[in-house]
Amino acid sequence: MNKEQFKKWRKKHNFSQSEAAITLGLKRRMIQYYEKGKKGEKDVKIPKYIKLACEAIDLKKKLKKMI
């Protein structure tokens, strides 16, 4: 998952950065770093476990719609 995909995921679920942070168990600042792809001058990559958490949230929402 790259920074554009992450931001698209957040917006698809109508999450603010703060709501995404709470949902994923992160600080809001980390959401900002992931969306920028940088922390200062240092590149920041989105860890696989965050991608998996995003996919799990997608599945959970799809299942709720089916019920």
PDB file of N, CA and C in Angstrom:
ATOM      1  N   MET A   1       0.865  -1.175   0.000  1.00  0.00           N
ATOM      2  CA  MET A   1       0.000   0.000   0.000  1.00  0.00           C
ATOM      3  C   MET A   1       0.908   1.233   0.000  1.00  0.00           C
ATOM      4  N   ASN A   2       0.658   2.110  -0.960  1.00  0.00           N
ATOM      5  CA  ASN A   2       1.441   3.332  -0.992  1.00  0.00           C
ATOM      6  C   ASN A   2       0.646   4.481  -0.363  1.00  0.00           C
ATOM      7  N   LYS A   3       1.258   5.657  -0.314  1.00  0.00           N
ATOM      8  CA  LYS A   3       0.618   6.783   0.379  1.00  0.00           C
ATOM      9  C   LYS A   3      -0.689   7.194  -0.283  1.00  0.00           C
ATOM     10  N   GLU A   4      -0.767   7.136  -1.613  1.00  0.00           N
ATOM     11  CA  GLU A   4      -1.998   7.501  -2.302  1.00  0.00           C
ATOM     12  C   GLU A   4      -3.121   6.507  -2.001  1.00  0.00           C
ATOM     13  N   GLN A   5      -2.778   5.219  -2.015  1.00  0.00           N
ATOM     14  CA  GLN A   5      -3.772   4.181  -1.708  1.00  0.00           C
ATOM     15  C   GLN A   5      -4.271   4.316  -0.272  1.00  0.00           C
ATOM     16  N   PHE A   6      -3.359   4.643   0.645  1.00  0.00           N
ATOM     17  CA  PHE A   6      -3.744   4.789   2.043  1.00  0.00           C
ATOM     18  C   PHE A   6      -4.726   5.950   2.214  1.00  0.00           C
ATOM     19  N   LYS A   7      -4.417   7.072   1.594  1.00  0.00           N
ATOM     20  CA  LYS A   7      -5.296   8.233   1.705  1.00  0.00           C
ATOM     21  C   LYS A   7      -6.651   7.947   1.051  1.00  0.00           C
ATOM     22  N   LYS A   8      -6.632   7.264  -0.080  1.00  0.00           N
ATOM     23  CA  LYS A   8      -7.873   6.882  -0.766  1.00  0.00           C
ATOM     24  C   LYS A   8      -8.715   5.974   0.137  1.00  0.00           C
ATOM     25  N   TRP A   9      -8.065   5.031   0.826  1.00  0.00           N
ATOM     26  CA  TRP A   9      -8.767   4.133   1.754  1.00  0.00           C
ATOM     27  C   TRP A   9      -9.437   4.949   2.863  1.00  0.00           C
ATOM     28  N   ARG A  10      -8.689   5.895   3.430  1.00  0.00           N
ATOM     29  CA  ARG A  10      -9.227   6.716   4.528  1.00  0.00           C
ATOM     30  C   ARG A  10     -10.439   7.516   4.056  1.00  0.00           C
ATOM     31  N   LYS A  11     -10.332   8.118   2.913  1.00  0.00           N
ATOM     32  CA  LYS A  11     -11.428   8.937   2.393  1.00  0.00           C
ATOM     33  C   LYS A  11     -12.629   8.083   1.990  1.00  0.00           C
ATOM     34  N   LYS A  12     -12.379   6.871   1.483  1.00  0.00           N
ATOM     35  CA  LYS A  12     -13.461   5.959   1.109  1.00  0.00           C
ATOM     36  C   LYS A  12     -14.346   5.648   2.310  1.00  0.00           C
ATOM     37  N   HIS A  13     -13.730   5.568   3.482  1.00  0.00           N
ATOM     38  CA  HIS A  13     -14.469   5.262   4.709  1.00  0.00           C
ATOM     39  C   HIS A  13     -14.906   6.522   5.461  1.00  0.00           C
ATOM     40  N   ASN A  14     -14.680   7.676   4.837  1.00  0.00           N
ATOM     41  CA  ASN A  14     -15.055   8.960   5.443  1.00  0.00           C
ATOM     42  C   ASN A  14     -14.430   9.158   6.825  1.00  0.00           C
ATOM     43  N   PHE A  15     -13.201   8.684   6.977  1.00  0.00           N
ATOM     44  CA  PHE A  15     -12.468   8.874   8.224  1.00  0.00           C
ATOM     45  C   PHE A  15     -11.682  10.173   8.158  1.00  0.00           C
ATOM     46  N   SER A  16     -11.735  10.950   9.220  1.00  0.00           N
ATOM     47  CA  SER A  16     -10.773  12.038   9.366  1.00  0.00           C
ATOM     48  C   SER A  16      -9.438  11.378   9.720  1.00  0.00           C
ATOM     49  N   GLN A  17      -8.382  12.152   9.737  1.00  0.00           N
ATOM     50  CA  GLN A  17      -7.099  11.573  10.145  1.00  0.00           C
ATOM     51  C   GLN A  17      -7.171  11.075  11.582  1.00  0.00           C
ATOM     52  N   SER A  18      -7.866  11.806  12.428  1.00  0.00           N
ATOM     53  CA  SER A  18      -8.000  11.383  13.829  1.00  0.00           C
ATOM     54  C   SER A  18      -8.806  10.095  13.943  1.00  0.00           C
ATOM     55  N   GLU A  19      -9.887   9.984  13.185  1.00  0.00           N
ATOM     56  CA  GLU A  19     -10.711   8.765  13.224  1.00  0.00           C
ATOM     57  C   GLU A  19      -9.936   7.563  12.688  1.00  0.00           C
ATOM     58  N   ALA A  20      -9.166   7.772  11.620  1.00  0.00           N
ATOM     59  CA  ALA A  20      -8.345   6.681  11.084  1.00  0.00           C
ATOM     60  C   ALA A  20      -7.311   6.239  12.116  1.00  0.00           C
ATOM     61  N   ALA A  21      -6.726   7.205  12.810  1.00  0.00           N
ATOM     62  CA  ALA A  21      -5.728   6.880  13.842  1.00  0.00           C
ATOM     63  C   ALA A  21      -6.346   6.049  14.958  1.00  0.00           C
ATOM     64  N   ILE A  22      -7.509   6.458  15.423  1.00  0.00           N
ATOM     65  CA  ILE A  22      -8.185   5.707  16.491  1.00  0.00           C
ATOM     66  C   ILE A  22      -8.527   4.298  16.011  1.00  0.00           C
ATOM     67  N   THR A  23      -9.070   4.200  14.805  1.00  0.00           N
ATOM     68  CA  THR A  23      -9.474   2.905  14.248  1.00  0.00           C
ATOM     69  C   THR A  23      -8.289   1.958  14.096  1.00  0.00           C
ATOM     70  N   LEU A  24      -7.146   2.500  13.694  1.00  0.00           N
ATOM     71  CA  LEU A  24      -5.960   1.675  13.461  1.00  0.00           C
ATOM     72  C   LEU A  24      -5.047   1.572  14.679  1.00  0.00           C
ATOM     73  N   GLY A  25      -5.392   2.272  15.757  1.00  0.00           N
ATOM     74  CA  GLY A  25      -4.569   2.215  16.967  1.00  0.00           C
ATOM     75  C   GLY A  25      -3.261   2.970  16.834  1.00  0.00           C
ATOM     76  N   LEU A  26      -3.307   4.079  16.103  1.00  0.00           N
ATOM     77  CA  LEU A  26      -2.111   4.883  15.866  1.00  0.00           C
ATOM     78  C   LEU A  26      -2.314   6.300  16.370  1.00  0.00           C
ATOM     79  N   LYS A  27      -1.248   7.060  16.359  1.00  0.00           N
ATOM     80  CA  LYS A  27      -1.331   8.492  16.633  1.00  0.00           C
ATOM     81  C   LYS A  27      -1.690   9.194  15.329  1.00  0.00           C
ATOM     82  N   ARG A  28      -2.391  10.310  15.418  1.00  0.00           N
ATOM     83  CA  ARG A  28      -2.776  11.062  14.228  1.00  0.00           C
ATOM     84  C   ARG A  28      -1.545  11.450  13.410  1.00  0.00           C
ATOM     85  N   ARG A  29      -0.480  11.751  14.091  1.00  0.00           N
ATOM     86  CA  ARG A  29       0.745  12.150  13.415  1.00  0.00           C
ATOM     87  C   ARG A  29       1.256  11.053  12.475  1.00  0.00           C
ATOM     88  N   MET A  30       1.103   9.782  12.868  1.00  0.00           N
ATOM     89  CA  MET A  30       1.540   8.677  12.005  1.00  0.00           C
ATOM     90  C   MET A  30       0.692   8.626  10.736  1.00  0.00           C
ATOM     91  N   ILE A  31      -0.586   8.916  10.854  1.00  0.00           N
ATOM     92  CA  ILE A  31      -1.454   8.963   9.672  1.00  0.00           C
ATOM     93  C   ILE A  31      -0.932  10.040   8.721  1.00  0.00           C
ATOM     94  N   GLN A  32      -0.563  11.175   9.274  1.00  0.00           N
ATOM     95  CA  GLN A  32      -0.017  12.257   8.446  1.00  0.00           C
ATOM     96  C   GLN A  32       1.281  11.822   7.761  1.00  0.00           C
ATOM     97  N   TYR A  33       2.163  11.154   8.494  1.00  0.00           N
ATOM     98  CA  TYR A  33       3.416  10.675   7.909  1.00  0.00           C
ATOM     99  C   TYR A  33       3.137   9.682   6.778  1.00  0.00           C
ATOM    100  N   TYR A  34       2.214   8.746   7.010  1.00  0.00           N
ATOM    101  CA  TYR A  34       1.894   7.753   5.990  1.00  0.00           C
ATOM    102  C   TYR A  34       1.332   8.420   4.742  1.00  0.00           C
ATOM    103  N   GLU A  35       0.496   9.435   4.918  1.00  0.00           N
ATOM    104  CA  GLU A  35      -0.100  10.102   3.766  1.00  0.00           C
ATOM    105  C   GLU A  35       0.906  10.976   3.010  1.00  0.00           C
ATOM    106  N   LYS A  36       1.884  11.513   3.712  1.00  0.00           N
ATOM    107  CA  LYS A  36       2.931  12.305   3.057  1.00  0.00           C
ATOM    108  C   LYS A  36       4.022  11.409   2.482  1.00  0.00           C
ATOM    109  N   GLY A  37       4.207  10.255   3.116  1.00  0.00           N
ATOM    110  CA  GLY A  37       5.298   9.372   2.720  1.00  0.00           C
ATOM    111  C   GLY A  37       6.635   9.821   3.275  1.00  0.00           C
ATOM    112  N   LYS A  38       6.581  10.789   4.180  1.00  0.00           N
ATOM    113  CA  LYS A  38       7.819  11.336   4.761  1.00  0.00           C
ATOM    114  C   LYS A  38       7.605  11.745   6.214  1.00  0.00           C
ATOM    115  N   LYS A  39       8.689  11.668   6.953  1.00  0.00           N
ATOM    116  CA  LYS A  39       8.760  12.216   8.306  1.00  0.00           C
ATOM    117  C   LYS A  39       9.983  13.116   8.291  1.00  0.00           C
ATOM    118  N   GLY A  40       9.735  14.401   8.078  1.00  0.00           N
ATOM    119  CA  GLY A  40      10.849  15.322   7.851  1.00  0.00           C
ATOM    120  C   GLY A  40      11.452  15.011   6.496  1.00  0.00           C
ATOM    121  N   GLU A  41      12.718  14.680   6.487  1.00  0.00           N
ATOM    122  CA  GLU A  41      13.407  14.313   5.244  1.00  0.00           C
ATOM    123  C   GLU A  41      13.423  12.801   5.016  1.00  0.00           C
ATOM    124  N   LYS A  42      13.045  12.057   6.036  1.00  0.00           N
ATOM    125  CA  LYS A  42      13.117  10.598   5.987  1.00  0.00           C
ATOM    126  C   LYS A  42      11.859  10.010   5.341  1.00  0.00           C
ATOM    127  N   ASP A  43      12.054   9.063   4.417  1.00  0.00           N
ATOM    128  CA  ASP A  43      10.921   8.363   3.810  1.00  0.00           C
ATOM    129  C   ASP A  43      10.251   7.461   4.834  1.00  0.00           C
ATOM    130  N   VAL A  44       8.926   7.412   4.770  1.00  0.00           N
ATOM    131  CA  VAL A  44       8.151   6.553   5.666  1.00  0.00           C
ATOM    132  C   VAL A  44       7.333   5.607   4.805  1.00  0.00           C
ATOM    133  N   LYS A  45       7.499   4.323   5.046  1.00  0.00           N
ATOM    134  CA  LYS A  45       6.713   3.313   4.333  1.00  0.00           C
ATOM    135  C   LYS A  45       5.605   2.819   5.250  1.00  0.00           C
ATOM    136  N   ILE A  46       4.480   2.469   4.657  1.00  0.00           N
ATOM    137  CA  ILE A  46       3.349   1.949   5.425  1.00  0.00           C
ATOM    138  C   ILE A  46       3.611   0.466   5.674  1.00  0.00           C
ATOM    139  N   PRO A  47       3.658   0.069   6.944  1.00  0.00           N
ATOM    140  CA  PRO A  47       3.946  -1.338   7.260  1.00  0.00           C
ATOM    141  C   PRO A  47       2.841  -2.280   6.766  1.00  0.00           C
ATOM    142  N   LYS A  48       3.234  -3.521   6.536  1.00  0.00           N
ATOM    143  CA  LYS A  48       2.271  -4.525   6.066  1.00  0.00           C
ATOM    144  C   LYS A  48       1.129  -4.716   7.043  1.00  0.00           C
ATOM    145  N   TYR A  49       1.392  -4.620   8.339  1.00  0.00           N
ATOM    146  CA  TYR A  49       0.323  -4.839   9.304  1.00  0.00           C
ATOM    147  C   TYR A  49      -0.742  -3.743   9.232  1.00  0.00           C
ATOM    148  N   ILE A  50      -0.366  -2.551   8.794  1.00  0.00           N
ATOM    149  CA  ILE A  50      -1.349  -1.483   8.608  1.00  0.00           C
ATOM    150  C   ILE A  50      -2.188  -1.789   7.373  1.00  0.00           C
ATOM    151  N   LYS A  51      -1.548  -2.253   6.312  1.00  0.00           N
ATOM    152  CA  LYS A  51      -2.286  -2.660   5.107  1.00  0.00           C
ATOM    153  C   LYS A  51      -3.277  -3.760   5.451  1.00  0.00           C
ATOM    154  N   LEU A  52      -2.848  -4.744   6.213  1.00  0.00           N
ATOM    155  CA  LEU A  52      -3.734  -5.843   6.601  1.00  0.00           C
ATOM    156  C   LEU A  52      -4.887  -5.345   7.462  1.00  0.00           C
ATOM    157  N   ALA A  53      -4.609  -4.407   8.361  1.00  0.00           N
ATOM    158  CA  ALA A  53      -5.669  -3.837   9.199  1.00  0.00           C
ATOM    159  C   ALA A  53      -6.683  -3.097   8.332  1.00  0.00           C
ATOM    160  N   CYS A  54      -6.212  -2.366   7.337  1.00  0.00           N
ATOM    161  CA  CYS A  54      -7.121  -1.653   6.424  1.00  0.00           C
ATOM    162  C   CYS A  54      -7.995  -2.643   5.664  1.00  0.00           C
ATOM    163  N   GLU A  55      -7.403  -3.741   5.199  1.00  0.00           N
ATOM    164  CA  GLU A  55      -8.168  -4.758   4.486  1.00  0.00           C
ATOM    165  C   GLU A  55      -9.195  -5.419   5.403  1.00  0.00           C
ATOM    166  N   ALA A  56      -8.832  -5.643   6.656  1.00  0.00           N
ATOM    167  CA  ALA A  56      -9.765  -6.229   7.618  1.00  0.00           C
ATOM    168  C   ALA A  56     -10.951  -5.298   7.861  1.00  0.00           C
ATOM    169  N   ILE A  57     -10.691  -4.009   7.934  1.00  0.00           N
ATOM    170  CA  ILE A  57     -11.771  -3.038   8.132  1.00  0.00           C
ATOM    171  C   ILE A  57     -12.678  -3.022   6.910  1.00  0.00           C
ATOM    172  N   ASP A  58     -12.093  -3.110   5.712  1.00  0.00           N
ATOM    173  CA  ASP A  58     -12.894  -3.204   4.489  1.00  0.00           C
ATOM    174  C   ASP A  58     -13.822  -4.417   4.539  1.00  0.00           C
ATOM    175  N   LEU A  59     -13.273  -5.573   4.900  1.00  0.00           N
ATOM    176  CA  LEU A  59     -14.079  -6.795   4.965  1.00  0.00           C
ATOM    177  C   LEU A  59     -15.185  -6.696   6.006  1.00  0.00           C
ATOM    178  N   LYS A  60     -14.859  -6.129   7.146  1.00  0.00           N
ATOM    179  CA  LYS A  60     -15.851  -5.984   8.209  1.00  0.00           C
ATOM    180  C   LYS A  60     -17.024  -5.125   7.733  1.00  0.00           C
ATOM    181  N   LYS A  61     -16.728  -4.039   7.036  1.00  0.00           N
ATOM    182  CA  LYS A  61     -17.792  -3.158   6.541  1.00  0.00           C
ATOM    183  C   LYS A  61     -18.616  -3.857   5.464  1.00  0.00           C
ATOM    184  N   LYS A  62     -17.973  -4.656   4.604  1.00  0.00           N
ATOM    185  CA  LYS A  62     -18.703  -5.394   3.576  1.00  0.00           C
ATOM    186  C   LYS A  62     -19.637  -6.423   4.207  1.00  0.00           C
ATOM    187  N   LEU A  63     -19.160  -7.090   5.236  1.00  0.00           N
ATOM    188  CA  LEU A  63     -19.987  -8.088   5.919  1.00  0.00           C
ATOM    189  C   LEU A  63     -21.179  -7.453   6.593  1.00  0.00           C
ATOM    190  N   LYS A  64     -20.993  -6.281   7.186  1.00  0.00           N
ATOM    191  CA  LYS A  64     -22.103  -5.588   7.821  1.00  0.00           C
ATOM    192  C   LYS A  64     -23.189  -5.232   6.811  1.00  0.00           C
ATOM    193  N   LYS A  65     -22.782  -4.875   5.595  1.00  0.00           N
ATOM    194  CA  LYS A  65     -23.748  -4.532   4.560  1.00  0.00           C
ATOM    195  C   LYS A  65     -24.549  -5.757   4.122  1.00  0.00           C
ATOM    196  N   MET A  66     -23.937  -6.937   4.196  1.00  0.00           N
ATOM    197  CA  MET A  66     -24.598  -8.168   3.765  1.00  0.00           C
ATOM    198  C   MET A  66     -25.648  -8.635   4.761  1.00  0.00           C
ATOM    199  N   ILE A  67     -25.466  -8.251   6.009  1.00  0.00           N
ATOM    200  CA  ILE A  67     -26.374  -8.726   7.065  1.00  0.00           C
ATOM    201  C   ILE A  67     -27.626  -7.895   7.108  1.00  0.00           C
TER     202      ILE A  67
END
